[in-house]
Amino acid sequence: MTRWPRMMKLATAAQYCDLSASAFLGEVAAARLPAPVILGGRDHWSQLALDRALARLTGEEPLPEWEAEFEKRYG
C-alpha cells in the first residue's frame, strides 16, 4: 500500500520542524528545506519532503552524490 505524503500549510510545517514561520521560511530560502507546492492557490509542504531534508541535515540520510560533490567543491 502506497503512503501518500501529508501536505501542510506554513504554520503546520513550521511547527512540525519546531521553528517559527519566519525561521522556517528562512530555511526554505536557504534551500535547506524544500520549497512549497501550490495547492488551492496556497503554499503547502510535503511531510515526506521535509522528513527527507531533515534526515539529510542530521546526517541520517547521505546527500545525493551530485550534492555531495557540489558541497565538496563549493562548500
N, C-alpha and C. Protein backbone atom coordinates (compact mmCIF):
# COMPACT_ATOMS: atom_id res chain seq x y z
N MET A 1 0.84 -1.18 0.00
CA MET A 1 0.00 0.00 0.00
C MET A 1 0.88 1.25 0.00
N THR A 2 0.63 2.17 -0.90
CA THR A 2 1.40 3.40 -1.01
C THR A 2 0.97 4.39 0.06
N ARG A 3 1.94 4.98 0.72
CA ARG A 3 1.65 6.01 1.72
C ARG A 3 1.74 7.36 1.04
N TRP A 4 0.65 8.07 0.99
CA TRP A 4 0.64 9.40 0.38
C TRP A 4 1.17 10.40 1.37
N PRO A 5 1.97 11.35 0.90
CA PRO A 5 2.52 12.34 1.83
C PRO A 5 1.45 13.28 2.35
N ARG A 6 1.59 13.62 3.59
CA ARG A 6 0.71 14.60 4.21
C ARG A 6 1.15 15.98 3.74
N MET A 7 0.22 16.80 3.33
CA MET A 7 0.52 18.15 2.89
C MET A 7 0.16 19.12 4.01
N MET A 8 1.06 20.09 4.28
CA MET A 8 0.88 21.01 5.39
C MET A 8 1.01 22.46 4.93
N LYS A 9 0.20 23.33 5.50
CA LYS A 9 0.34 24.77 5.26
C LYS A 9 1.52 25.26 6.10
N LEU A 10 1.89 26.52 5.90
CA LEU A 10 3.07 27.10 6.52
C LEU A 10 3.12 26.90 8.03
N ALA A 11 2.07 27.28 8.73
CA ALA A 11 2.10 27.21 10.20
C ALA A 11 2.32 25.78 10.68
N THR A 12 1.67 24.83 10.04
CA THR A 12 1.81 23.43 10.45
C THR A 12 3.20 22.90 10.11
N ALA A 13 3.71 23.24 8.92
CA ALA A 13 5.04 22.78 8.52
C ALA A 13 6.11 23.37 9.43
N ALA A 14 5.98 24.65 9.77
CA ALA A 14 6.95 25.28 10.68
C ALA A 14 6.90 24.62 12.05
N GLN A 15 5.70 24.37 12.55
CA GLN A 15 5.55 23.72 13.84
C GLN A 15 6.13 22.30 13.80
N TYR A 16 5.92 21.60 12.69
CA TYR A 16 6.45 20.25 12.52
C TYR A 16 7.97 20.25 12.68
N CYS A 17 8.62 21.31 12.20
CA CYS A 17 10.08 21.43 12.30
C CYS A 17 10.52 22.16 13.57
N ASP A 18 9.58 22.52 14.42
CA ASP A 18 9.84 23.23 15.67
C ASP A 18 10.54 24.57 15.41
N LEU A 19 10.03 25.29 14.39
CA LEU A 19 10.57 26.60 14.02
C LEU A 19 9.43 27.61 13.97
N SER A 20 9.78 28.88 14.11
CA SER A 20 8.79 29.93 13.84
C SER A 20 8.56 29.96 12.34
N ALA A 21 7.47 30.58 11.92
CA ALA A 21 7.17 30.67 10.49
C ALA A 21 8.29 31.42 9.75
N SER A 22 8.80 32.48 10.35
CA SER A 22 9.84 33.25 9.66
C SER A 22 11.16 32.46 9.59
N ALA A 23 11.49 31.73 10.65
CA ALA A 23 12.70 30.90 10.62
C ALA A 23 12.55 29.77 9.61
N PHE A 24 11.36 29.19 9.54
CA PHE A 24 11.10 28.12 8.57
C PHE A 24 11.27 28.65 7.15
N LEU A 25 10.69 29.82 6.86
CA LEU A 25 10.82 30.40 5.52
C LEU A 25 12.26 30.76 5.21
N GLY A 26 13.02 31.15 6.22
CA GLY A 26 14.45 31.41 6.03
C GLY A 26 15.20 30.15 5.62
N GLU A 27 14.86 29.03 6.22
CA GLU A 27 15.48 27.76 5.86
C GLU A 27 15.08 27.33 4.45
N VAL A 28 13.83 27.62 4.06
CA VAL A 28 13.39 27.33 2.70
C VAL A 28 14.15 28.22 1.72
N ALA A 29 14.29 29.51 2.04
CA ALA A 29 15.03 30.43 1.16
C ALA A 29 16.49 30.02 1.02
N ALA A 30 17.06 29.46 2.08
CA ALA A 30 18.46 28.99 2.04
C ALA A 30 18.59 27.63 1.39
N ALA A 31 17.47 27.05 0.96
CA ALA A 31 17.41 25.74 0.30
C ALA A 31 17.81 24.59 1.22
N ARG A 32 17.74 24.81 2.53
CA ARG A 32 17.99 23.72 3.47
C ARG A 32 16.72 22.89 3.68
N LEU A 33 15.57 23.52 3.46
CA LEU A 33 14.28 22.84 3.50
C LEU A 33 13.62 23.00 2.13
N PRO A 34 12.74 22.06 1.75
CA PRO A 34 12.16 22.10 0.41
C PRO A 34 11.19 23.26 0.19
N ALA A 35 11.08 23.65 -1.05
CA ALA A 35 10.13 24.69 -1.44
C ALA A 35 8.71 24.12 -1.40
N PRO A 36 7.73 24.98 -1.28
CA PRO A 36 6.36 24.50 -1.24
C PRO A 36 5.83 24.20 -2.65
N VAL A 37 4.70 23.51 -2.66
CA VAL A 37 3.93 23.35 -3.89
C VAL A 37 2.64 24.14 -3.67
N ILE A 38 2.03 24.59 -4.75
CA ILE A 38 0.80 25.37 -4.63
C ILE A 38 -0.39 24.44 -4.87
N LEU A 39 -1.25 24.37 -3.87
CA LEU A 39 -2.49 23.61 -3.95
C LEU A 39 -3.62 24.53 -3.53
N GLY A 40 -4.63 24.64 -4.35
CA GLY A 40 -5.75 25.50 -4.00
C GLY A 40 -5.35 26.95 -3.84
N GLY A 41 -4.29 27.36 -4.57
CA GLY A 41 -3.84 28.74 -4.52
C GLY A 41 -3.00 29.10 -3.30
N ARG A 42 -2.64 28.10 -2.49
CA ARG A 42 -1.85 28.36 -1.28
C ARG A 42 -0.64 27.43 -1.24
N ASP A 43 0.41 27.90 -0.55
CA ASP A 43 1.61 27.09 -0.39
C ASP A 43 1.35 25.94 0.58
N HIS A 44 1.86 24.76 0.21
CA HIS A 44 1.80 23.57 1.07
C HIS A 44 3.14 22.85 0.99
N TRP A 45 3.53 22.22 2.10
CA TRP A 45 4.76 21.45 2.15
C TRP A 45 4.43 19.98 2.36
N SER A 46 5.21 19.13 1.73
CA SER A 46 5.07 17.68 1.87
C SER A 46 5.81 17.23 3.12
N GLN A 47 5.14 16.49 3.98
CA GLN A 47 5.79 15.95 5.16
C GLN A 47 6.93 15.01 4.77
N LEU A 48 6.73 14.25 3.72
CA LEU A 48 7.77 13.33 3.25
C LEU A 48 9.01 14.10 2.80
N ALA A 49 8.82 15.19 2.06
CA ALA A 49 9.96 16.01 1.61
C ALA A 49 10.67 16.65 2.80
N LEU A 50 9.89 17.12 3.78
CA LEU A 50 10.51 17.69 4.98
C LEU A 50 11.30 16.63 5.75
N ASP A 51 10.72 15.44 5.88
CA ASP A 51 11.42 14.36 6.58
C ASP A 51 12.75 14.03 5.90
N ARG A 52 12.75 13.99 4.58
CA ARG A 52 13.99 13.70 3.84
C ARG A 52 15.02 14.80 4.04
N ALA A 53 14.58 16.05 3.96
CA ALA A 53 15.51 17.18 4.14
C ALA A 53 16.09 17.17 5.55
N LEU A 54 15.26 16.91 6.55
CA LEU A 54 15.74 16.86 7.93
C LEU A 54 16.70 15.69 8.14
N ALA A 55 16.44 14.57 7.50
CA ALA A 55 17.34 13.42 7.61
C ALA A 55 18.70 13.74 7.00
N ARG A 56 18.71 14.49 5.88
CA ARG A 56 19.99 14.89 5.28
C ARG A 56 20.74 15.86 6.19
N LEU A 57 20.00 16.82 6.78
CA LEU A 57 20.63 17.81 7.65
C LEU A 57 21.25 17.17 8.89
N THR A 58 20.63 16.13 9.39
CA THR A 58 21.14 15.48 10.61
C THR A 58 22.14 14.37 10.32
N GLY A 59 22.34 14.08 9.04
CA GLY A 59 23.28 13.04 8.67
C GLY A 59 22.69 11.64 8.70
N GLU A 60 21.39 11.52 8.96
CA GLU A 60 20.74 10.22 8.99
C GLU A 60 20.61 9.63 7.59
N GLU A 61 20.59 10.49 6.59
CA GLU A 61 20.50 10.07 5.19
C GLU A 61 21.61 10.78 4.43
N PRO A 62 22.41 10.05 3.68
CA PRO A 62 23.50 10.71 2.96
C PRO A 62 22.99 11.64 1.86
N LEU A 63 23.79 12.63 1.55
CA LEU A 63 23.46 13.51 0.44
C LEU A 63 23.53 12.74 -0.87
N PRO A 64 22.70 13.12 -1.85
CA PRO A 64 22.86 12.52 -3.17
C PRO A 64 24.27 12.81 -3.69
N GLU A 65 24.80 11.94 -4.52
CA GLU A 65 26.18 12.05 -4.98
C GLU A 65 26.48 13.42 -5.58
N TRP A 66 25.58 13.93 -6.42
CA TRP A 66 25.83 15.22 -7.07
C TRP A 66 25.89 16.34 -6.05
N GLU A 67 25.06 16.26 -4.99
CA GLU A 67 25.03 17.31 -3.98
C GLU A 67 26.28 17.24 -3.10
N ALA A 68 26.73 16.03 -2.79
CA ALA A 68 27.94 15.87 -2.01
C ALA A 68 29.15 16.42 -2.78
N GLU A 69 29.21 16.17 -4.08
CA GLU A 69 30.30 16.69 -4.92
C GLU A 69 30.27 18.23 -4.95
N PHE A 70 29.06 18.78 -5.07
CA PHE A 70 28.90 20.23 -5.08
C PHE A 70 29.39 20.84 -3.77
N GLU A 71 28.98 20.23 -2.65
CA GLU A 71 29.42 20.70 -1.33
C GLU A 71 30.93 20.64 -1.19
N LYS A 72 31.53 19.56 -1.70
CA LYS A 72 32.97 19.39 -1.61
C LYS A 72 33.69 20.49 -2.40
N ARG A 73 33.16 20.81 -3.58
CA ARG A 73 33.80 21.82 -4.43
C ARG A 73 33.57 23.25 -3.97
N TYR A 74 32.34 23.55 -3.55
CA TYR A 74 31.97 24.94 -3.31
C TYR A 74 31.62 25.26 -1.87
N GLY A 75 31.61 24.26 -1.01
CA GLY A 75 31.32 24.50 0.39
C GLY A 75 29.92 24.63 0.67
